[in-house]
Amino acid sequence: MATSSYSFREVLVTYGAVKIQGFAEGDCVTIETPENITMSVGEDGRFVNNLRRQGPSTVGLRLMADSPSIGHLSAQANLQAKGLNRGGLPLKIVHIGTGETWVMAQGFVPKQADVTFSGEVGVREWQVVGKLEGQQVGKLI
């Protein structure tokens, strides 16, 4: 029987030309792609699923408060708030072990992460919003 292993170290996230680093514990990368699914039924009883994208996808990045990537994400949020980031930056998520790949050609950081201070290093939760161009499943060659 074959066994496999999983390591988050095989997950690579880049935003623009910057490798995102300093992920917090738990669900540190989330991908939410809303879809609206409706079903049509014809007179002959045939069912058809209608898939429509509803709004942008959201990628959540959960980083430790001392992550070296926070400056990059913060700068992008500041540009977005001033209306100077009209083109966004590409976001790419790759799981090297499985080859799964998600690409967002134009990702925007809509706001700064909320900040909390406590006795231990805090967590900053960032969002990158845009259209996911697709998911490739399988080993990259």
N, C-alpha and C. Protein backbone atom coordinates (compact mmCIF):
# COMPACT_ATOMS: atom_id res chain seq x y z
N MET A 1 0.84 -1.18 0.00
CA MET A 1 0.00 0.00 0.00
C MET A 1 0.89 1.25 0.00
N ALA A 2 0.64 2.15 -0.92
CA ALA A 2 1.43 3.37 -1.02
C ALA A 2 1.00 4.36 0.05
N THR A 3 1.96 5.08 0.56
CA THR A 3 1.64 6.13 1.53
C THR A 3 2.08 7.47 0.95
N SER A 4 1.49 8.51 1.45
CA SER A 4 1.89 9.84 1.01
C SER A 4 2.00 10.72 2.24
N SER A 5 2.63 11.85 2.05
CA SER A 5 2.77 12.79 3.15
C SER A 5 2.43 14.18 2.64
N TYR A 6 2.10 15.05 3.59
CA TYR A 6 1.75 16.42 3.25
C TYR A 6 2.62 17.35 4.08
N SER A 7 3.11 18.39 3.46
CA SER A 7 3.86 19.42 4.17
C SER A 7 3.49 20.78 3.59
N PHE A 8 3.15 21.71 4.48
CA PHE A 8 2.84 23.06 4.01
C PHE A 8 4.07 23.70 3.37
N ARG A 9 5.24 23.18 3.66
CA ARG A 9 6.46 23.71 3.04
C ARG A 9 6.46 23.53 1.53
N GLU A 10 5.56 22.68 1.02
CA GLU A 10 5.45 22.47 -0.42
C GLU A 10 4.45 23.43 -1.07
N VAL A 11 3.88 24.33 -0.28
CA VAL A 11 2.94 25.32 -0.82
C VAL A 11 3.69 26.62 -1.05
N LEU A 12 3.65 27.11 -2.26
CA LEU A 12 4.34 28.34 -2.63
C LEU A 12 3.30 29.37 -3.05
N VAL A 13 3.35 30.54 -2.39
CA VAL A 13 2.43 31.63 -2.71
C VAL A 13 3.26 32.84 -3.12
N THR A 14 2.97 33.39 -4.29
CA THR A 14 3.63 34.62 -4.72
C THR A 14 2.56 35.64 -5.07
N TYR A 15 2.87 36.89 -4.74
CA TYR A 15 2.00 38.01 -5.09
C TYR A 15 2.88 39.05 -5.73
N GLY A 16 2.66 39.29 -7.02
CA GLY A 16 3.62 40.09 -7.77
C GLY A 16 4.89 39.27 -7.87
N ALA A 17 6.02 39.90 -7.63
CA ALA A 17 7.30 39.20 -7.67
C ALA A 17 7.76 38.77 -6.28
N VAL A 18 6.88 38.84 -5.28
CA VAL A 18 7.27 38.58 -3.89
C VAL A 18 6.72 37.23 -3.43
N LYS A 19 7.61 36.41 -2.88
CA LYS A 19 7.18 35.15 -2.25
C LYS A 19 6.62 35.50 -0.88
N ILE A 20 5.38 35.08 -0.61
CA ILE A 20 4.76 35.35 0.68
C ILE A 20 5.33 34.38 1.70
N GLN A 21 5.75 34.94 2.84
CA GLN A 21 6.39 34.15 3.90
C GLN A 21 5.82 34.51 5.25
N GLY A 22 6.11 33.68 6.25
CA GLY A 22 5.71 33.97 7.62
C GLY A 22 4.27 33.61 7.92
N PHE A 23 3.81 32.47 7.40
CA PHE A 23 2.44 32.06 7.62
C PHE A 23 2.20 31.66 9.08
N ALA A 24 0.99 31.95 9.56
CA ALA A 24 0.59 31.59 10.92
C ALA A 24 0.09 30.15 10.94
N GLU A 25 -0.15 29.64 12.13
CA GLU A 25 -0.68 28.29 12.27
C GLU A 25 -2.14 28.24 11.82
N GLY A 26 -2.58 27.04 11.53
CA GLY A 26 -3.98 26.85 11.16
C GLY A 26 -4.18 26.97 9.66
N ASP A 27 -5.38 27.36 9.29
CA ASP A 27 -5.73 27.53 7.87
C ASP A 27 -5.10 28.82 7.37
N CYS A 28 -3.87 28.73 6.87
CA CYS A 28 -3.13 29.95 6.53
C CYS A 28 -3.32 30.41 5.09
N VAL A 29 -3.84 29.57 4.22
CA VAL A 29 -4.19 29.98 2.87
C VAL A 29 -5.58 29.41 2.58
N THR A 30 -6.52 30.28 2.26
CA THR A 30 -7.86 29.84 1.92
C THR A 30 -8.25 30.41 0.56
N ILE A 31 -8.99 29.65 -0.21
CA ILE A 31 -9.44 30.09 -1.53
C ILE A 31 -10.96 29.94 -1.56
N GLU A 32 -11.63 31.06 -1.75
CA GLU A 32 -13.09 31.06 -1.80
C GLU A 32 -13.53 31.54 -3.18
N THR A 33 -14.19 30.66 -3.91
CA THR A 33 -14.66 30.98 -5.24
C THR A 33 -16.17 30.81 -5.27
N PRO A 34 -16.90 31.90 -5.17
CA PRO A 34 -18.37 31.77 -5.16
C PRO A 34 -18.90 31.38 -6.53
N GLU A 35 -19.83 30.47 -6.52
CA GLU A 35 -20.51 30.08 -7.74
C GLU A 35 -22.00 30.01 -7.45
N ASN A 36 -22.78 30.43 -8.38
CA ASN A 36 -24.21 30.35 -8.26
C ASN A 36 -24.67 29.22 -9.17
N ILE A 37 -25.23 28.18 -8.59
CA ILE A 37 -25.67 27.03 -9.37
C ILE A 37 -27.20 27.00 -9.35
N THR A 38 -27.78 27.02 -10.51
CA THR A 38 -29.23 26.86 -10.63
C THR A 38 -29.50 25.65 -11.50
N MET A 39 -30.67 25.11 -11.38
CA MET A 39 -31.01 23.94 -12.16
C MET A 39 -32.25 24.25 -12.99
N SER A 40 -32.19 23.88 -14.26
CA SER A 40 -33.33 24.02 -15.15
C SER A 40 -33.86 22.62 -15.47
N VAL A 41 -35.18 22.51 -15.54
CA VAL A 41 -35.81 21.24 -15.88
C VAL A 41 -36.67 21.46 -17.11
N GLY A 42 -36.37 20.69 -18.13
CA GLY A 42 -37.13 20.81 -19.37
C GLY A 42 -38.47 20.10 -19.31
N GLU A 43 -39.32 20.32 -20.30
CA GLU A 43 -40.63 19.67 -20.37
C GLU A 43 -40.51 18.15 -20.43
N ASP A 44 -39.41 17.66 -20.98
CA ASP A 44 -39.23 16.21 -21.06
C ASP A 44 -38.57 15.63 -19.81
N GLY A 45 -38.36 16.47 -18.77
CA GLY A 45 -37.79 15.99 -17.51
C GLY A 45 -36.27 16.01 -17.47
N ARG A 46 -35.64 16.52 -18.50
CA ARG A 46 -34.17 16.60 -18.54
C ARG A 46 -33.70 17.72 -17.63
N PHE A 47 -32.68 17.44 -16.80
CA PHE A 47 -32.12 18.42 -15.88
C PHE A 47 -30.84 19.00 -16.45
N VAL A 48 -30.66 20.31 -16.27
CA VAL A 48 -29.43 20.99 -16.70
C VAL A 48 -28.98 21.89 -15.55
N ASN A 49 -27.72 21.77 -15.16
CA ASN A 49 -27.15 22.67 -14.16
C ASN A 49 -26.59 23.91 -14.86
N ASN A 50 -26.95 25.07 -14.36
CA ASN A 50 -26.44 26.34 -14.89
C ASN A 50 -25.44 26.90 -13.88
N LEU A 51 -24.23 27.08 -14.32
CA LEU A 51 -23.18 27.62 -13.45
C LEU A 51 -22.87 29.04 -13.87
N ARG A 52 -22.93 29.96 -12.91
CA ARG A 52 -22.58 31.36 -13.17
C ARG A 52 -21.68 31.85 -12.07
N ARG A 53 -20.61 32.46 -12.44
CA ARG A 53 -19.73 33.07 -11.44
C ARG A 53 -20.42 34.29 -10.87
N GLN A 54 -20.36 34.42 -9.58
CA GLN A 54 -20.97 35.56 -8.89
C GLN A 54 -19.87 36.32 -8.17
N GLY A 55 -19.40 37.37 -8.74
CA GLY A 55 -18.39 38.20 -8.09
C GLY A 55 -17.00 37.59 -8.10
N PRO A 56 -16.08 38.26 -7.45
CA PRO A 56 -14.69 37.83 -7.47
C PRO A 56 -14.41 36.71 -6.48
N SER A 57 -13.29 36.05 -6.68
CA SER A 57 -12.77 35.07 -5.73
C SER A 57 -11.96 35.80 -4.67
N THR A 58 -11.86 35.19 -3.51
CA THR A 58 -11.08 35.77 -2.42
C THR A 58 -10.07 34.75 -1.94
N VAL A 59 -8.81 35.16 -1.87
CA VAL A 59 -7.76 34.33 -1.30
C VAL A 59 -7.38 34.96 0.04
N GLY A 60 -7.48 34.17 1.09
CA GLY A 60 -7.11 34.64 2.42
C GLY A 60 -5.70 34.19 2.75
N LEU A 61 -4.91 35.10 3.29
CA LEU A 61 -3.53 34.81 3.70
C LEU A 61 -3.42 35.15 5.18
N ARG A 62 -3.16 34.15 5.99
CA ARG A 62 -3.07 34.33 7.45
C ARG A 62 -1.58 34.32 7.83
N LEU A 63 -1.07 35.50 8.17
CA LEU A 63 0.36 35.67 8.42
C LEU A 63 0.63 36.04 9.88
N MET A 64 1.81 35.65 10.36
CA MET A 64 2.24 36.11 11.67
C MET A 64 2.52 37.61 11.60
N ALA A 65 2.36 38.30 12.72
CA ALA A 65 2.50 39.76 12.75
C ALA A 65 3.90 40.22 12.36
N ASP A 66 4.89 39.34 12.49
CA ASP A 66 6.26 39.72 12.13
C ASP A 66 6.68 39.20 10.75
N SER A 67 5.71 38.80 9.94
CA SER A 67 6.00 38.28 8.61
C SER A 67 6.68 39.35 7.75
N PRO A 68 7.73 38.97 7.02
CA PRO A 68 8.39 39.94 6.13
C PRO A 68 7.51 40.34 4.94
N SER A 69 6.40 39.64 4.72
CA SER A 69 5.52 39.94 3.58
C SER A 69 4.48 41.00 3.88
N ILE A 70 4.34 41.37 5.14
CA ILE A 70 3.30 42.33 5.52
C ILE A 70 3.53 43.69 4.87
N GLY A 71 4.76 44.13 4.76
CA GLY A 71 5.05 45.42 4.14
C GLY A 71 4.58 45.47 2.69
N HIS A 72 4.79 44.38 1.96
CA HIS A 72 4.37 44.32 0.56
C HIS A 72 2.84 44.37 0.44
N LEU A 73 2.14 43.60 1.25
CA LEU A 73 0.68 43.58 1.21
C LEU A 73 0.11 44.92 1.66
N SER A 74 0.72 45.51 2.68
CA SER A 74 0.27 46.81 3.18
C SER A 74 0.44 47.89 2.12
N ALA A 75 1.56 47.87 1.42
CA ALA A 75 1.81 48.86 0.37
C ALA A 75 0.76 48.72 -0.75
N GLN A 76 0.41 47.48 -1.08
CA GLN A 76 -0.61 47.27 -2.13
C GLN A 76 -1.98 47.76 -1.67
N ALA A 77 -2.30 47.55 -0.39
CA ALA A 77 -3.57 48.06 0.14
C ALA A 77 -3.60 49.58 0.12
N ASN A 78 -2.48 50.21 0.44
CA ASN A 78 -2.40 51.68 0.41
C ASN A 78 -2.59 52.21 -1.02
N LEU A 79 -1.96 51.56 -1.99
CA LEU A 79 -2.13 51.96 -3.39
C LEU A 79 -3.58 51.80 -3.82
N GLN A 80 -4.20 50.70 -3.40
CA GLN A 80 -5.60 50.46 -3.76
C GLN A 80 -6.50 51.54 -3.15
N ALA A 81 -6.25 51.90 -1.88
CA ALA A 81 -7.07 52.91 -1.21
C ALA A 81 -6.95 54.28 -1.88
N LYS A 82 -5.81 54.56 -2.48
CA LYS A 82 -5.58 55.84 -3.15
C LYS A 82 -5.99 55.80 -4.63
N GLY A 83 -6.45 54.64 -5.09
CA GLY A 83 -6.85 54.51 -6.48
C GLY A 83 -5.69 54.42 -7.45
N LEU A 84 -4.51 54.07 -6.95
CA LEU A 84 -3.32 54.03 -7.80
C LEU A 84 -2.95 52.63 -8.26
N ASN A 85 -3.69 51.62 -7.82
CA ASN A 85 -3.37 50.23 -8.17
C ASN A 85 -4.44 49.70 -9.12
N ARG A 86 -4.50 50.26 -10.30
CA ARG A 86 -5.57 49.91 -11.23
C ARG A 86 -5.40 48.55 -11.89
N GLY A 87 -4.18 48.07 -11.97
CA GLY A 87 -3.96 46.80 -12.65
C GLY A 87 -3.83 45.61 -11.73
N GLY A 88 -3.69 45.83 -10.42
CA GLY A 88 -3.49 44.71 -9.51
C GLY A 88 -2.18 44.01 -9.79
N LEU A 89 -1.92 42.97 -9.03
CA LEU A 89 -0.72 42.16 -9.21
C LEU A 89 -1.13 40.70 -9.35
N PRO A 90 -0.34 39.91 -10.07
CA PRO A 90 -0.68 38.49 -10.19
C PRO A 90 -0.42 37.75 -8.88
N LEU A 91 -1.32 36.84 -8.56
CA LEU A 91 -1.20 35.97 -7.40
C LEU A 91 -1.14 34.54 -7.90
N LYS A 92 -0.23 33.76 -7.36
CA LYS A 92 -0.10 32.37 -7.78
C LYS A 92 0.10 31.50 -6.54
N ILE A 93 -0.64 30.43 -6.48
CA ILE A 93 -0.53 29.45 -5.39
C ILE A 93 -0.23 28.11 -6.03
N VAL A 94 0.85 27.48 -5.59
CA VAL A 94 1.24 26.18 -6.15
C VAL A 94 1.53 25.22 -5.00
N HIS A 95 0.94 24.03 -5.08
CA HIS A 95 1.34 22.96 -4.17
C HIS A 95 2.30 22.08 -4.96
N ILE A 96 3.57 22.17 -4.62
CA ILE A 96 4.62 21.52 -5.39
C ILE A 96 4.44 20.00 -5.41
N GLY A 97 4.00 19.43 -4.30
CA GLY A 97 3.84 17.98 -4.20
C GLY A 97 2.80 17.42 -5.14
N THR A 98 1.67 18.10 -5.28
CA THR A 98 0.58 17.59 -6.12
C THR A 98 0.52 18.27 -7.48
N GLY A 99 1.15 19.43 -7.61
CA GLY A 99 1.09 20.18 -8.85
C GLY A 99 -0.14 21.07 -8.97
N GLU A 100 -1.01 21.06 -7.95
CA GLU A 100 -2.18 21.93 -8.00
C GLU A 100 -1.73 23.38 -8.06
N THR A 101 -2.36 24.15 -8.96
CA THR A 101 -1.97 25.54 -9.18
C THR A 101 -3.21 26.41 -9.33
N TRP A 102 -3.21 27.54 -8.64
CA TRP A 102 -4.27 28.53 -8.78
C TRP A 102 -3.62 29.84 -9.20
N VAL A 103 -4.22 30.53 -10.17
CA VAL A 103 -3.65 31.77 -10.69
C VAL A 103 -4.73 32.86 -10.72
N MET A 104 -4.37 34.03 -10.22
CA MET A 104 -5.21 35.21 -10.30
C MET A 104 -4.38 36.26 -11.03
N ALA A 105 -4.76 36.59 -12.26
CA ALA A 105 -3.94 37.50 -13.08
C ALA A 105 -3.87 38.90 -12.48
N GLN A 106 -4.97 39.36 -11.90
CA GLN A 106 -5.02 40.70 -11.30
C GLN A 106 -5.64 40.59 -9.91
N GLY A 107 -4.80 40.56 -8.90
CA GLY A 107 -5.29 40.47 -7.54
C GLY A 107 -5.13 41.79 -6.83
N PHE A 108 -6.15 42.18 -6.07
CA PHE A 108 -6.14 43.45 -5.34
C PHE A 108 -6.26 43.18 -3.85
N VAL A 109 -5.55 43.97 -3.05
CA VAL A 109 -5.67 43.92 -1.59
C VAL A 109 -6.62 45.05 -1.22
N PRO A 110 -7.89 44.74 -0.89
CA PRO A 110 -8.88 45.79 -0.71
C PRO A 110 -8.74 46.63 0.56
N LYS A 111 -8.05 46.08 1.59
CA LYS A 111 -7.90 46.84 2.83
C LYS A 111 -6.75 46.30 3.65
N GLN A 112 -6.34 47.10 4.61
CA GLN A 112 -5.31 46.66 5.55
C GLN A 112 -5.86 45.53 6.43
N ALA A 113 -4.99 44.69 6.92
CA ALA A 113 -5.40 43.65 7.86
C ALA A 113 -5.74 44.28 9.20
N ASP A 114 -6.68 43.70 9.91
CA ASP A 114 -6.97 44.16 11.27
C ASP A 114 -5.79 43.83 12.16
N VAL A 115 -5.55 44.66 13.18
CA VAL A 115 -4.39 44.49 14.06
C VAL A 115 -4.85 44.29 15.49
N THR A 116 -4.27 43.29 16.14
CA THR A 116 -4.50 43.02 17.56
C THR A 116 -3.15 42.77 18.21
N PHE A 117 -2.96 43.34 19.40
CA PHE A 117 -1.73 43.10 20.15
C PHE A 117 -2.06 42.27 21.38
N SER A 118 -1.19 41.31 21.70
CA SER A 118 -1.39 40.48 22.88
C SER A 118 -0.04 40.03 23.41
N GLY A 119 -0.05 39.09 24.34
CA GLY A 119 1.19 38.61 24.95
C GLY A 119 2.03 37.76 24.03
N GLU A 120 1.46 37.28 22.93
CA GLU A 120 2.20 36.48 21.95
C GLU A 120 2.10 37.14 20.59
N VAL A 121 2.93 36.67 19.68
CA VAL A 121 2.92 37.25 18.34
C VAL A 121 1.51 37.14 17.76
N GLY A 122 1.05 38.22 17.20
CA GLY A 122 -0.30 38.25 16.65
C GLY A 122 -0.37 37.68 15.25
N VAL A 123 -1.58 37.72 14.72
CA VAL A 123 -1.85 37.21 13.38
C VAL A 123 -2.49 38.33 12.58
N ARG A 124 -2.09 38.45 11.32
CA ARG A 124 -2.69 39.41 10.40
C ARG A 124 -3.35 38.62 9.28
N GLU A 125 -4.63 38.87 9.08
CA GLU A 125 -5.36 38.15 8.04
C GLU A 125 -5.61 39.09 6.87
N TRP A 126 -4.99 38.77 5.74
CA TRP A 126 -5.07 39.57 4.53
C TRP A 126 -5.98 38.90 3.52
N GLN A 127 -6.53 39.70 2.62
CA GLN A 127 -7.32 39.17 1.52
C GLN A 127 -6.78 39.72 0.21
N VAL A 128 -6.75 38.86 -0.79
CA VAL A 128 -6.46 39.27 -2.16
C VAL A 128 -7.69 38.88 -2.97
N VAL A 129 -8.25 39.85 -3.67
CA VAL A 129 -9.52 39.66 -4.37
C VAL A 129 -9.32 39.84 -5.87
N GLY A 130 -9.93 38.99 -6.65
CA GLY A 130 -9.85 39.09 -8.10
C GLY A 130 -10.46 37.86 -8.75
N LYS A 131 -10.27 37.74 -10.03
CA LYS A 131 -10.81 36.61 -10.78
C LYS A 131 -9.77 35.51 -10.86
N LEU A 132 -10.11 34.33 -10.35
CA LEU A 132 -9.22 33.19 -10.51
C LEU A 132 -9.31 32.72 -11.96
N GLU A 133 -8.17 32.61 -12.61
CA GLU A 133 -8.13 32.24 -14.01
C GLU A 133 -8.30 30.74 -14.20
N GLY A 134 -8.23 29.99 -13.13
CA GLY A 134 -8.42 28.55 -13.25
C GLY A 134 -7.51 27.81 -12.30
N GLN A 135 -7.77 26.54 -12.21
CA GLN A 135 -7.00 25.66 -11.37
C GLN A 135 -6.47 24.53 -12.22
N GLN A 136 -5.19 24.26 -12.10
CA GLN A 136 -4.59 23.15 -12.81
C GLN A 136 -4.30 22.08 -11.77
N VAL A 137 -4.77 20.88 -12.01
CA VAL A 137 -4.53 19.79 -11.09
C VAL A 137 -3.63 18.78 -11.79
N GLY A 138 -2.61 18.32 -11.08
CA GLY A 138 -1.69 17.35 -11.63
C GLY A 138 -0.27 17.86 -11.59
N LYS A 139 0.66 16.97 -11.68
CA LYS A 139 2.08 17.31 -11.59
C LYS A 139 2.49 18.26 -12.70
N LEU A 140 3.28 19.25 -12.33
CA LEU A 140 3.85 20.14 -13.33
C LEU A 140 5.06 19.47 -13.96
N ILE A 141 5.25 19.70 -15.23
CA ILE A 141 6.39 19.07 -15.91
C ILE A 141 7.55 20.05 -15.95
